[in-house]
Each structure stands twice: as C-alpha cells, then as structure tokens.
C-alpha atoms as a PDB file:
ATOM      1  CA  UNK A   1      32.741 -95.312 -24.828  1.00  0.00           C
ATOM      2  CA  UNK A   2      33.868 -92.148 -26.768  1.00  0.00           C
ATOM      3  CA  UNK A   3      35.817 -94.501 -29.230  1.00  0.00           C
ATOM      4  CA  UNK A   4      32.451 -96.272 -29.785  1.00  0.00           C
ATOM      5  CA  UNK A   5      30.754 -92.919 -30.465  1.00  0.00           C
ATOM      6  CA  UNK A   6      33.485 -91.945 -32.916  1.00  0.00           C
ATOM      7  CA  UNK A   7      33.099 -95.086 -34.721  1.00  0.00           C
ATOM      8  CA  UNK A   8      29.176 -94.088 -35.273  1.00  0.00           C
ATOM      9  CA  UNK A   9      30.285 -90.707 -37.006  1.00  0.00           C
ATOM     10  CA  UNK A  10      29.783 -90.760 -40.788  1.00  0.00           C
ATOM     11  CA  UNK A  11      33.273 -90.872 -42.335  1.00  0.00           C
ATOM     12  CA  UNK A  12      32.288 -88.160 -44.919  1.00  0.00           C
ATOM     13  CA  UNK A  13      32.069 -85.643 -41.753  1.00  0.00           C
ATOM     14  CA  UNK A  14      35.717 -86.757 -40.422  1.00  0.00           C
ATOM     15  CA  UNK A  15      38.790 -85.154 -41.695  1.00  0.00           C
ATOM     16  CA  UNK A  16      42.319 -85.046 -40.488  1.00  0.00           C
ATOM     17  CA  UNK A  17      44.686 -82.026 -39.510  1.00  0.00           C
ATOM     18  CA  UNK A  18      48.088 -81.881 -39.876  1.00  0.00           C
ATOM     19  CA  UNK A  19      49.748 -80.979 -36.413  1.00  0.00           C
ATOM     20  CA  UNK A  20      51.167 -77.793 -37.573  1.00  0.00           C
ATOM     21  CA  UNK A  21      47.707 -76.684 -38.731  1.00  0.00           C
ATOM     22  CA  UNK A  22      46.185 -77.700 -35.490  1.00  0.00           C
ATOM     23  CA  UNK A  23      48.306 -75.337 -33.705  1.00  0.00           C
ATOM     24  CA  UNK A  24      47.506 -72.462 -36.148  1.00  0.00           C
ATOM     25  CA  UNK A  25      43.780 -73.028 -35.812  1.00  0.00           C
ATOM     26  CA  UNK A  26      44.021 -73.071 -32.116  1.00  0.00           C
ATOM     27  CA  UNK A  27      45.996 -69.751 -32.251  1.00  0.00           C
ATOM     28  CA  UNK A  28      43.348 -68.293 -34.492  1.00  0.00           C
ATOM     29  CA  UNK A  29      40.965 -69.370 -32.174  1.00  0.00           C
ATOM     30  CA  UNK A  30      42.585 -68.097 -29.014  1.00  0.00           C
ATOM     31  CA  UNK A  31      43.048 -64.854 -31.127  1.00  0.00           C
ATOM     32  CA  UNK A  32      39.539 -64.647 -31.922  1.00  0.00           C
ATOM     33  CA  UNK A  33      38.572 -65.179 -28.374  1.00  0.00           C
ATOM     34  CA  UNK A  34      40.714 -62.620 -27.023  1.00  0.00           C
ATOM     35  CA  UNK A  35      39.426 -59.993 -29.535  1.00  0.00           C
ATOM     36  CA  UNK A  36      35.885 -60.829 -28.643  1.00  0.00           C
ATOM     37  CA  UNK A  37      36.751 -60.641 -24.805  1.00  0.00           C
ATOM     38  CA  UNK A  38      38.409 -57.236 -25.602  1.00  0.00           C
ATOM     39  CA  UNK A  39      35.374 -55.734 -27.549  1.00  0.00           C
ATOM     40  CA  UNK A  40      33.124 -57.143 -24.678  1.00  0.00           C
ATOM     41  CA  UNK A  41      35.176 -55.779 -22.368  1.00  0.00           C
ATOM     42  CA  UNK A  42      35.634 -52.398 -23.935  1.00  0.00           C
ATOM     43  CA  UNK A  43      31.752 -51.882 -24.762  1.00  0.00           C
ATOM     44  CA  UNK A  44      31.016 -52.998 -21.172  1.00  0.00           C
ATOM     45  CA  UNK A  45      33.361 -50.306 -19.620  1.00  0.00           C
ATOM     46  CA  UNK A  46      31.975 -47.786 -22.206  1.00  0.00           C
ATOM     47  CA  UNK A  47      28.263 -48.157 -21.119  1.00  0.00           C
ATOM     48  CA  UNK A  48      29.309 -48.067 -17.392  1.00  0.00           C
ATOM     49  CA  UNK A  49      31.407 -44.876 -18.060  1.00  0.00           C
ATOM     50  CA  UNK A  50      28.155 -43.406 -19.973  1.00  0.00           C
ATOM     51  CA  UNK A  51      26.065 -44.442 -17.020  1.00  0.00           C
ATOM     52  CA  UNK A  52      28.213 -42.712 -14.411  1.00  0.00           C
ATOM     53  CA  UNK A  53      28.459 -39.590 -16.439  1.00  0.00           C
ATOM     54  CA  UNK A  54      24.760 -39.525 -16.332  1.00  0.00           C
ATOM     55  CA  UNK A  55      24.714 -40.165 -12.678  1.00  0.00           C
ATOM     56  CA  UNK A  56      27.453 -37.544 -12.067  1.00  0.00           C
ATOM     57  CA  UNK A  57      25.584 -34.874 -14.281  1.00  0.00           C
ATOM     58  CA  UNK A  58      22.258 -35.552 -12.572  1.00  0.00           C
ATOM     59  CA  UNK A  59      24.110 -35.166  -9.337  1.00  0.00           C
ATOM     60  CA  UNK A  60      25.922 -31.788 -10.108  1.00  0.00           C
ATOM     61  CA  UNK A  61      22.528 -30.609 -11.784  1.00  0.00           C
ATOM     62  CA  UNK A  62      20.725 -31.434  -8.403  1.00  0.00           C
ATOM     63  CA  UNK A  63      23.277 -29.763  -6.335  1.00  0.00           C
ATOM     64  CA  UNK A  64      23.489 -26.638  -8.452  1.00  0.00           C
ATOM     65  CA  UNK A  65      19.649 -26.501  -8.244  1.00  0.00           C
ATOM     66  CA  UNK A  66      19.660 -26.870  -4.639  1.00  0.00           C
ATOM     67  CA  UNK A  67      22.370 -24.011  -4.316  1.00  0.00           C
ATOM     68  CA  UNK A  68      20.350 -22.025  -6.188  1.00  0.00           C
ATOM     69  CA  UNK A  69      17.327 -22.423  -4.530  1.00  0.00           C
ATOM     70  CA  UNK A  70      19.206 -21.773  -1.198  1.00  0.00           C
ATOM     71  CA  UNK A  71      20.490 -18.840  -2.332  1.00  0.00           C
ATOM     72  CA  UNK A  72      17.002 -17.610  -3.471  1.00  0.00           C
ATOM     73  CA  UNK A  73      15.606 -18.454  -0.303  1.00  0.00           C
ATOM     74  CA  UNK A  74      18.275 -16.198   1.348  1.00  0.00           C
ATOM     75  CA  UNK A  75      17.538 -13.380  -0.825  1.00  0.00           C
ATOM     76  CA  UNK A  76      13.647 -13.690  -0.109  1.00  0.00           C
ATOM     77  CA  UNK A  77      14.478 -13.796   3.837  1.00  0.00           C
ATOM     78  CA  UNK A  78      16.466 -10.840   3.273  1.00  0.00           C
ATOM     79  CA  UNK A  79      13.816  -8.940   1.381  1.00  0.00           C
ATOM     80  CA  UNK A  80      11.184  -9.832   3.975  1.00  0.00           C
ATOM     81  CA  UNK A  81      13.263  -8.684   6.739  1.00  0.00           C
ATOM     82  CA  UNK A  82      13.708  -5.285   4.842  1.00  0.00           C
ATOM     83  CA  UNK A  83       9.930  -5.241   4.167  1.00  0.00           C
ATOM     84  CA  UNK A  84       9.173  -5.723   7.780  1.00  0.00           C
ATOM     85  CA  UNK A  85      11.721  -3.052   8.864  1.00  0.00           C
ATOM     86  CA  UNK A  86       9.926  -0.613   6.124  1.00  0.00           C
ATOM     87  CA  UNK A  87       6.646  -1.381   7.347  1.00  0.00           C
ATOM     88  CA  UNK A  88       7.301  -0.960  10.876  1.00  0.00           C
ATOM     89  CA  UNK A  89       8.689   2.444   9.891  1.00  0.00           C
ATOM     90  CA  UNK A  90       5.714   3.387   7.932  1.00  0.00           C
ATOM     91  CA  UNK A  91       3.522   2.118  10.872  1.00  0.00           C
ATOM     92  CA  UNK A  92       4.996   4.367  12.965  1.00  0.00           C
ATOM     93  CA  UNK A  93       5.221   7.409  10.413  1.00  0.00           C
ATOM     94  CA  UNK A  94       1.437   6.633  10.170  1.00  0.00           C
ATOM     95  CA  UNK A  95       0.628   6.724  13.902  1.00  0.00           C
ATOM     96  CA  UNK A  96       2.349  10.054  14.158  1.00  0.00           C
ATOM     97  CA  UNK A  97       0.597  11.261  11.202  1.00  0.00           C
ATOM     98  CA  UNK A  98      -2.742   9.962  12.496  1.00  0.00           C
ATOM     99  CA  UNK A  99      -1.824  12.194  15.806  1.00  0.00           C
ATOM    100  CA  UNK A 100      -1.372  15.204  13.758  1.00  0.00           C
ATOM    101  CA  UNK A 101      -4.498  14.869  11.676  1.00  0.00           C
ATOM    102  CA  UNK A 102      -6.312  14.386  14.979  1.00  0.00           C
ATOM    103  CA  UNK A 103      -4.705  17.411  16.455  1.00  0.00           C
ATOM    104  CA  UNK A 104      -5.701  19.545  13.460  1.00  0.00           C
ATOM    105  CA  UNK A 105      -9.255  18.224  13.443  1.00  0.00           C
ATOM    106  CA  UNK A 106      -9.667  19.127  17.061  1.00  0.00           C
ATOM    107  CA  UNK A 107      -8.248  22.596  16.225  1.00  0.00           C
ATOM    108  CA  UNK A 108     -10.575  22.789  13.446  1.00  0.00           C
ATOM    109  CA  UNK A 109     -13.577  21.747  15.380  1.00  0.00           C
ATOM    110  CA  UNK A 110     -12.845  24.569  17.792  1.00  0.00           C
ATOM    111  CA  UNK A 111     -12.164  26.906  15.535  1.00  0.00           C
ATOM    112  CA  UNK A 112     -15.420  26.058  13.700  1.00  0.00           C
ATOM    113  CA  UNK A 113     -17.103  26.216  16.997  1.00  0.00           C
ATOM    114  CA  UNK A 114     -15.863  29.671  17.735  1.00  0.00           C
ATOM    115  CA  UNK A 115     -17.019  30.979  14.335  1.00  0.00           C
ATOM    116  CA  UNK A 116     -20.631  29.475  14.666  1.00  0.00           C
ATOM    117  CA  UNK A 117     -20.628  31.234  18.025  1.00  0.00           C
ATOM    118  CA  UNK A 118     -19.621  34.465  16.392  1.00  0.00           C
ATOM    119  CA  UNK A 119     -22.128  34.214  13.567  1.00  0.00           C
ATOM    120  CA  UNK A 120     -24.891  33.025  16.171  1.00  0.00           C
ATOM    121  CA  UNK A 121     -24.063  36.010  17.897  1.00  0.00           C
ATOM    122  CA  UNK A 122     -24.421  38.000  14.793  1.00  0.00           C
ATOM    123  CA  UNK A 123     -27.669  36.918  14.086  1.00  0.00           C
ATOM    124  CA  UNK A 124     -29.139  37.431  17.511  1.00  0.00           C
ATOM    125  CA  UNK A 125     -28.282  41.171  16.847  1.00  0.00           C
ATOM    126  CA  UNK A 126     -29.594  41.302  13.529  1.00  0.00           C
ATOM    127  CA  UNK A 127     -33.035  40.193  14.960  1.00  0.00           C
ATOM    128  CA  UNK A 128     -33.174  43.110  17.325  1.00  0.00           C
ATOM    129  CA  UNK A 129     -35.410  44.890  15.074  1.00  0.00           C
ATOM    130  CA  UNK A 130     -35.674  47.336  12.421  1.00  0.00           C
ATOM    131  CA  UNK A 131     -36.191  50.135  14.828  1.00  0.00           C
ATOM    132  CA  UNK A 132     -32.700  49.402  16.552  1.00  0.00           C
ATOM    133  CA  UNK A 133     -31.324  49.658  12.861  1.00  0.00           C
ATOM    134  CA  UNK A 134     -32.919  52.456  11.955  1.00  0.00           C
ATOM    135  CA  UNK A 135     -32.024  54.609  15.216  1.00  0.00           C
ATOM    136  CA  UNK A 136     -28.555  53.343  15.124  1.00  0.00           C
ATOM    137  CA  UNK A 137     -27.405  52.155  11.688  1.00  0.00           C
ATOM    138  CA  UNK A 138     -23.913  52.769  12.502  1.00  0.00           C
ATOM    139  CA  UNK A 139     -23.873  49.652  15.057  1.00  0.00           C
ATOM    140  CA  UNK A 140     -24.931  47.607  12.186  1.00  0.00           C
ATOM    141  CA  UNK A 141     -21.847  48.948   9.943  1.00  0.00           C
ATOM    142  CA  UNK A 142     -19.809  47.876  13.284  1.00  0.00           C
ATOM    143  CA  UNK A 143     -20.987  44.318  13.374  1.00  0.00           C
ATOM    144  CA  UNK A 144     -20.534  43.981   9.884  1.00  0.00           C
ATOM    145  CA  UNK A 145     -16.958  45.234   9.717  1.00  0.00           C
ATOM    146  CA  UNK A 146     -15.986  42.270  12.347  1.00  0.00           C
ATOM    147  CA  UNK A 147     -16.529  40.183   8.972  1.00  0.00           C
ATOM    148  CA  UNK A 148     -14.029  40.390   6.162  1.00  0.00           C
ATOM    149  CA  UNK A 149     -15.620  39.636   2.760  1.00  0.00           C
ATOM    150  CA  UNK A 150     -13.803  36.961   0.806  1.00  0.00           C
ATOM    151  CA  UNK A 151     -11.741  38.208  -2.168  1.00  0.00           C
ATOM    152  CA  UNK A 152     -10.989  37.009  -6.095  1.00  0.00           C
ATOM    153  CA  UNK A 153      -8.652  38.048  -8.208  1.00  0.00           C
ATOM    154  CA  UNK A 154      -9.434  35.669 -11.193  1.00  0.00           C
ATOM    155  CA  UNK A 155      -5.929  34.076 -10.954  1.00  0.00           C
ATOM    156  CA  UNK A 156      -5.361  30.313 -11.986  1.00  0.00           C
ATOM    157  CA  UNK A 157      -5.304  28.914  -8.626  1.00  0.00           C
ATOM    158  CA  UNK A 158      -8.337  30.926  -7.392  1.00  0.00           C
ATOM    159  CA  UNK A 159     -11.821  28.783  -7.208  1.00  0.00           C
ATOM    160  CA  UNK A 160     -14.613  30.688  -8.466  1.00  0.00           C
ATOM    161  CA  UNK A 161     -17.431  29.073  -7.091  1.00  0.00           C
ATOM    162  CA  UNK A 162     -15.814  28.876  -3.622  1.00  0.00           C
ATOM    163  CA  UNK A 163     -15.349  32.432  -3.887  1.00  0.00           C
ATOM    164  CA  UNK A 164     -18.908  33.266  -4.647  1.00  0.00           C
ATOM    165  CA  UNK A 165     -20.482  30.612  -1.979  1.00  0.00           C
ATOM    166  CA  UNK A 166     -18.409  32.605   0.555  1.00  0.00           C
ATOM    167  CA  UNK A 167     -19.618  36.060  -0.530  1.00  0.00           C
ATOM    168  CA  UNK A 168     -23.132  34.799  -0.805  1.00  0.00           C
ATOM    169  CA  UNK A 169     -22.716  33.674   2.913  1.00  0.00           C
ATOM    170  CA  UNK A 170     -21.187  37.017   3.772  1.00  0.00           C
ATOM    171  CA  UNK A 171     -23.973  39.245   2.148  1.00  0.00           C
ATOM    172  CA  UNK A 172     -26.364  37.125   3.903  1.00  0.00           C
ATOM    173  CA  UNK A 173     -24.784  37.356   7.366  1.00  0.00           C
ATOM    174  CA  UNK A 174     -24.326  41.150   7.179  1.00  0.00           C
ATOM    175  CA  UNK A 175     -27.730  41.755   5.870  1.00  0.00           C
ATOM    176  CA  UNK A 176     -26.717  43.722   3.276  1.00  0.00           C
ATOM    177  CA  UNK A 177     -29.124  46.106   1.130  1.00  0.00           C
ATOM    178  CA  UNK A 178     -28.819  46.523  -2.643  1.00  0.00           C
ATOM    179  CA  UNK A 179     -26.395  49.912  -2.077  1.00  0.00           C
ATOM    180  CA  UNK A 180     -24.433  47.874   0.093  1.00  0.00           C
ATOM    181  CA  UNK A 181     -24.213  44.754  -1.800  1.00  0.00           C
ATOM    182  CA  UNK A 182     -22.745  46.423  -4.945  1.00  0.00           C
ATOM    183  CA  UNK A 183     -20.008  48.027  -2.626  1.00  0.00           C
ATOM    184  CA  UNK A 184     -19.329  44.632  -0.916  1.00  0.00           C
ATOM    185  CA  UNK A 185     -19.018  43.047  -4.572  1.00  0.00           C
ATOM    186  CA  UNK A 186     -16.700  45.603  -5.831  1.00  0.00           C
ATOM    187  CA  UNK A 187     -14.524  45.651  -2.589  1.00  0.00           C
ATOM    188  CA  UNK A 188     -14.126  41.866  -2.940  1.00  0.00           C
ATOM    189  CA  UNK A 189     -12.816  41.845  -6.495  1.00  0.00           C
ATOM    190  CA  UNK A 190      -9.291  42.455  -7.221  1.00  0.00           C
ATOM    191  CA  UNK A 191      -6.893  42.517 -10.373  1.00  0.00           C
ATOM    192  CA  UNK A 192      -8.486  41.086 -13.456  1.00  0.00           C
ATOM    193  CA  UNK A 193     -11.676  40.527 -11.746  1.00  0.00           C
ATOM    194  CA  UNK A 194     -12.128  44.170 -10.537  1.00  0.00           C
ATOM    195  CA  UNK A 195     -11.329  45.364 -14.528  1.00  0.00           C
ATOM    196  CA  UNK A 196     -14.244  42.700 -15.426  1.00  0.00           C
ATOM    197  CA  UNK A 197     -17.095  44.099 -12.930  1.00  0.00           C
ATOM    198  CA  UNK A 198     -16.100  47.550 -13.990  1.00  0.00           C
ATOM    199  CA  UNK A 199     -17.067  46.470 -17.357  1.00  0.00           C
ATOM    200  CA  UNK A 200     -20.498  44.541 -16.326  1.00  0.00           C
ATOM    201  CA  UNK A 201     -21.231  46.602 -13.167  1.00  0.00           C
ATOM    202  CA  UNK A 202     -24.143  48.578 -15.313  1.00  0.00           C
ATOM    203  CA  UNK A 203     -26.033  45.274 -15.853  1.00  0.00           C
ATOM    204  CA  UNK A 204     -26.049  44.070 -12.094  1.00  0.00           C
ATOM    205  CA  UNK A 205     -29.201  45.415 -10.233  1.00  0.00           C
ATOM    206  CA  UNK A 206     -29.125  42.450  -7.757  1.00  0.00           C
ATOM    207  CA  UNK A 207     -27.230  39.679  -6.221  1.00  0.00           C
ATOM    208  CA  UNK A 208     -28.774  37.264  -8.618  1.00  0.00           C
ATOM    209  CA  UNK A 209     -27.930  39.576 -11.370  1.00  0.00           C
ATOM    210  CA  UNK A 210     -24.159  39.408 -10.181  1.00  0.00           C
ATOM    211  CA  UNK A 211     -24.438  35.594  -9.890  1.00  0.00           C
ATOM    212  CA  UNK A 212     -25.405  35.337 -13.459  1.00  0.00           C
ATOM    213  CA  UNK A 213     -22.846  37.511 -14.872  1.00  0.00           C
ATOM    214  CA  UNK A 214     -20.038  35.720 -12.807  1.00  0.00           C
ATOM    215  CA  UNK A 215     -21.037  32.412 -13.681  1.00  0.00           C
ATOM    216  CA  UNK A 216     -21.123  33.450 -17.429  1.00  0.00           C
ATOM    217  CA  UNK A 217     -17.503  34.757 -17.231  1.00  0.00           C
ATOM    218  CA  UNK A 218     -15.768  32.578 -14.629  1.00  0.00           C
ATOM    219  CA  UNK A 219     -17.890  29.095 -14.745  1.00  0.00           C
ATOM    220  CA  UNK A 220     -19.371  28.505 -18.027  1.00  0.00           C
ATOM    221  CA  UNK A 221     -19.553  25.471 -20.065  1.00  0.00           C
ATOM    222  CA  UNK A 222     -16.160  25.921 -21.631  1.00  0.00           C
ATOM    223  CA  UNK A 223     -14.611  26.611 -18.095  1.00  0.00           C
ATOM    224  CA  UNK A 224     -16.312  23.709 -16.607  1.00  0.00           C
ATOM    225  CA  UNK A 225     -15.305  21.360 -19.658  1.00  0.00           C
ATOM    226  CA  UNK A 226     -11.719  22.323 -19.189  1.00  0.00           C
ATOM    227  CA  UNK A 227     -12.016  21.334 -15.465  1.00  0.00           C
ATOM    228  CA  UNK A 228     -13.742  18.203 -16.436  1.00  0.00           C
ATOM    229  CA  UNK A 229     -10.886  17.283 -18.519  1.00  0.00           C
ATOM    230  CA  UNK A 230      -8.505  17.815 -15.708  1.00  0.00           C
ATOM    231  CA  UNK A 231     -10.678  15.761 -13.558  1.00  0.00           C
ATOM    232  CA  UNK A 232     -10.984  12.975 -16.012  1.00  0.00           C
ATOM    233  CA  UNK A 233      -7.231  12.802 -17.360  1.00  0.00           C
ATOM    234  CA  UNK A 234      -4.923  15.001 -15.091  1.00  0.00           C
ATOM    235  CA  UNK A 235      -1.830  13.648 -13.505  1.00  0.00           C
ATOM    236  CA  UNK A 236      -0.026  14.583 -10.136  1.00  0.00           C
ATOM    237  CA  UNK A 237       3.468  15.868 -10.849  1.00  0.00           C
ATOM    238  CA  UNK A 238       5.622  14.345  -8.327  1.00  0.00           C
ATOM    239  CA  UNK A 239       8.224  17.510  -8.774  1.00  0.00           C
ATOM    240  CA  UNK A 240       5.561  20.105  -8.103  1.00  0.00           C
ATOM    241  CA  UNK A 241       5.659  22.054  -4.862  1.00  0.00           C
ATOM    242  CA  UNK A 242       2.170  20.772  -4.192  1.00  0.00           C
ATOM    243  CA  UNK A 243       1.765  17.728  -1.619  1.00  0.00           C
ATOM    244  CA  UNK A 244      -0.520  14.975  -3.117  1.00  0.00           C
ATOM    245  CA  UNK A 245      -3.251  15.892  -0.268  1.00  0.00           C
ATOM    246  CA  UNK A 246      -2.952  19.518  -1.354  1.00  0.00           C
ATOM    247  CA  UNK A 247      -3.348  18.678  -5.361  1.00  0.00           C
ATOM    248  CA  UNK A 248      -6.292  16.039  -4.517  1.00  0.00           C
ATOM    249  CA  UNK A 249      -8.070  18.896  -2.477  1.00  0.00           C
ATOM    250  CA  UNK A 250      -7.547  21.640  -5.246  1.00  0.00           C
ATOM    251  CA  UNK A 251      -9.076  19.143  -7.900  1.00  0.00           C
ATOM    252  CA  UNK A 252     -11.785  17.983  -5.655  1.00  0.00           C
ATOM    253  CA  UNK A 253     -13.066  21.301  -4.844  1.00  0.00           C
ATOM    254  CA  UNK A 254     -13.375  22.138  -8.318  1.00  0.00           C
ATOM    255  CA  UNK A 255     -14.846  18.754  -9.358  1.00  0.00           C
ATOM    256  CA  UNK A 256     -17.616  18.908  -6.780  1.00  0.00           C
ATOM    257  CA  UNK A 257     -18.634  22.259  -8.450  1.00  0.00           C
ATOM    258  CA  UNK A 258     -19.127  20.821 -11.932  1.00  0.00           C
ATOM    259  CA  UNK A 259     -22.705  20.403 -13.335  1.00  0.00           C
ATOM    260  CA  UNK A 260     -21.630  16.641 -13.866  1.00  0.00           C
ATOM    261  CA  UNK A 261     -22.401  15.957 -10.095  1.00  0.00           C
ATOM    262  CA  UNK A 262     -19.875  13.431  -9.636  1.00  0.00           C
ATOM    263  CA  UNK A 263     -20.694  11.090  -6.722  1.00  0.00           C
ATOM    264  CA  UNK A 264     -17.872  10.568  -3.774  1.00  0.00           C
ATOM    265  CA  UNK A 265     -16.864   7.176  -4.940  1.00  0.00           C
ATOM    266  CA  UNK A 266     -16.871   8.432  -8.596  1.00  0.00           C
ATOM    267  CA  UNK A 267     -14.554  11.023  -7.647  1.00  0.00           C
ATOM    268  CA  UNK A 268     -12.366   8.671  -5.339  1.00  0.00           C
ATOM    269  CA  UNK A 269     -11.750   6.761  -8.559  1.00  0.00           C
ATOM    270  CA  UNK A 270     -10.934   9.232 -10.853  1.00  0.00           C
ATOM    271  CA  UNK A 271      -8.705  11.243  -8.466  1.00  0.00           C
ATOM    272  CA  UNK A 272      -6.873   7.980  -7.527  1.00  0.00           C
ATOM    273  CA  UNK A 273      -5.994   7.768 -11.201  1.00  0.00           C
ATOM    274  CA  UNK A 274      -4.157  10.723 -11.227  1.00  0.00           C
ATOM    275  CA  UNK A 275      -1.504   9.088  -9.068  1.00  0.00           C
ATOM    276  CA  UNK A 276       1.131   6.162  -9.135  1.00  0.00           C
ATOM    277  CA  UNK A 277       0.230   2.710  -9.608  1.00  0.00           C
ATOM    278  CA  UNK A 278       0.406   1.605  -6.068  1.00  0.00           C
ATOM    279  CA  UNK A 279      -2.253   4.209  -5.005  1.00  0.00           C
ATOM    280  CA  UNK A 280      -4.514   3.235  -7.793  1.00  0.00           C
ATOM    281  CA  UNK A 281      -3.902  -0.565  -6.659  1.00  0.00           C
ATOM    282  CA  UNK A 282      -4.764   0.369  -3.144  1.00  0.00           C
ATOM    283  CA  UNK A 283      -7.821   2.331  -3.945  1.00  0.00           C
ATOM    284  CA  UNK A 284      -9.241  -0.846  -6.047  1.00  0.00           C
ATOM    285  CA  UNK A 285      -8.036  -3.746  -3.487  1.00  0.00           C
ATOM    286  CA  UNK A 286      -9.090  -2.030  -0.603  1.00  0.00           C
ATOM    287  CA  UNK A 287     -12.363  -0.679  -1.946  1.00  0.00           C
ATOM    288  CA  UNK A 288     -11.727   2.955  -1.011  1.00  0.00           C
ATOM    289  CA  UNK A 289     -15.009   4.958  -1.533  1.00  0.00           C
ATOM    290  CA  UNK A 290     -14.657   7.993   0.687  1.00  0.00           C
ATOM    291  CA  UNK A 291     -12.782  11.188   0.714  1.00  0.00           C
ATOM    292  CA  UNK A 292     -11.506  10.949   4.045  1.00  0.00           C
ATOM    293  CA  UNK A 293     -10.084   7.549   3.333  1.00  0.00           C
ATOM    294  CA  UNK A 294      -8.408   8.712  -0.079  1.00  0.00           C
ATOM    295  CA  UNK A 295      -6.815  11.521   1.796  1.00  0.00           C
ATOM    296  CA  UNK A 296      -5.475   9.440   4.527  1.00  0.00           C
ATOM    297  CA  UNK A 297      -3.993   7.507   2.067  1.00  0.00           C
ATOM    298  CA  UNK A 298      -2.522  10.373   0.335  1.00  0.00           C
ATOM    299  CA  UNK A 299      -1.239  11.737   3.403  1.00  0.00           C
ATOM    300  CA  UNK A 300       0.501   8.584   4.354  1.00  0.00           C
ATOM    301  CA  UNK A 301       2.052   8.581   1.012  1.00  0.00           C
ATOM    302  CA  UNK A 302       3.223  12.064   1.646  1.00  0.00           C
ATOM    303  CA  UNK A 303       4.941  11.356   4.568  1.00  0.00           C
ATOM    304  CA  UNK A 304       6.667   8.372   3.423  1.00  0.00           C
ATOM    305  CA  UNK A 305       8.328  10.231   0.512  1.00  0.00           C
ATOM    306  CA  UNK A 306       9.889  13.440   2.580  1.00  0.00           C
END
C-alpha cells in the first residue's frame, strides 16, 4: 500500500540521498533534537528554581513577620504587667493619701469648730452692753488680747488681700474704735510694710482710708496685671521646694483676688496648664472642673514622684 502511495508522489518532489549523506542528516537532526531538549530542560529547570525561590522567600518573610509579631506581643505583655504593677502601687499610695487627707480634713473641721466657738463666745461677751465695757474697759482689752492680729511684711511670698481680710475680721471681732484701729494696723505691719505705713499714716483717718491706701500700694492695677500674667502663663518648676499642691494653692489664692473674677472651672483649666502634659490631659479627658478634684490629682502626682 505504501508503495502504491509513493507512486502517486510527483516525481519533482522526489530526490535521492546518498547513504553517507543520510547518516549526516540523521546525526544533524539528532543533534538538533538534543539541543532543543537541553534548552527546554534548562528553561523549565530555571522557571522551577525561580518559583521555588519565590516560595522560599515568602516563607522566610512570613516566618520573620510571625517571629517579630510574637516578640512584639511579648514586649506588650511585659509592659502591661509593669503598668498593672505600677497602677496597683499607685492605688495603694492614693488610698494612703486619701486617708491622710481625710484625717487632715477632720482635724481642720475640729479646729474650725473650736475657733467658731471661741469667736461666738467673744461675740457674746461683746454684746453685754456699753455699760459693762465703760465700767470695766480692761476686760475688753483682755478679751481682745486672746486673738492675735495678722501680720504683713510686704515680702514676695505674702498675700496682700489675705492679710487685709484677716485684719478686717480681727478689727471687727475685737470691736476696735478708731484710736485702737490705728494701733492694731501699725502693730500688724512689719519690715517694708511698716516703713510704707509710716509714710502714709497721716492720710489714714479710718479703716476705709487704710483699705484705699493699702490697695493702691499692694493690690493696684500693675500688681494685678503681673499676677494675671502668672495665672495665664506660669509654669511649675519641678525642682522647686514647693509641692504641686502648695504651688497651686499659692497661685489659686492670688487668682481669686484678681478683679478678673475667674470662675472655678476657668481657674482649674488655667492652673492645669502650669503642669506636665499628663495633668493637663487628665483634667481635659476627665472633665475636672473643681478645685478639690484638681488638688486631689496634684496630691496624687506629688505622692507618686516622691
């Protein structure tokens, strides 16, 4: 059948090959096939190796990432444990501090009750009548001697208006007449303040005159402006001998005397700005608006940094 098909082939497409040439052709074809197989094998191997390298790289990256995340989780866990220990210790300190504050509060209330009782007793004696005072004026002087007048030296730490209010209460309590008032005022002033009083004494004919002269000298617009700047822009010096509560109390007392008339929430925010960011952050996030809560926070911070 094959021979029949060969007979049908057009003679022009039929050519004869010598035996030696046929061998060469076979060798060439075999060589080309071998080269082609070699090329195909090498490329396949190369692609396989590239794929393996990618897989290995991804596996190494995944392992490194997992290892790093595990280490980070361990660090976070250690930090949380440390924070929990510190928080527990701070809570213990806070409880101790709260106990001390409660004790001091009770003692202060007791002292205040005793003082009010003393003042009430004094007022009772003062209401005995003019006849008793005129008959025995020395008894009035003895009662007055039991109360000590406040003093003012005009030093940097002194609070002018706190002294003035205390003096006003004292003068009212002892019911001093004019001649006694001038003596009381002179006796309560020391140092530079006493020197100043000597210069203005001739202009003082009443306690109201003293109030005017005293405020013109020690609580004028210039002094209030200076303290206004301290309230607005002051900063607590952590290296100072004052605790945070002492510093805040000092600034607060001055601020309440200013003609600006800060509200309590306003003063809380302004005083918080004098301290570190954590105090400012706590005041803002916990919406602290009272002096008591601010001072509790500062007392806790003082105890934590001792």
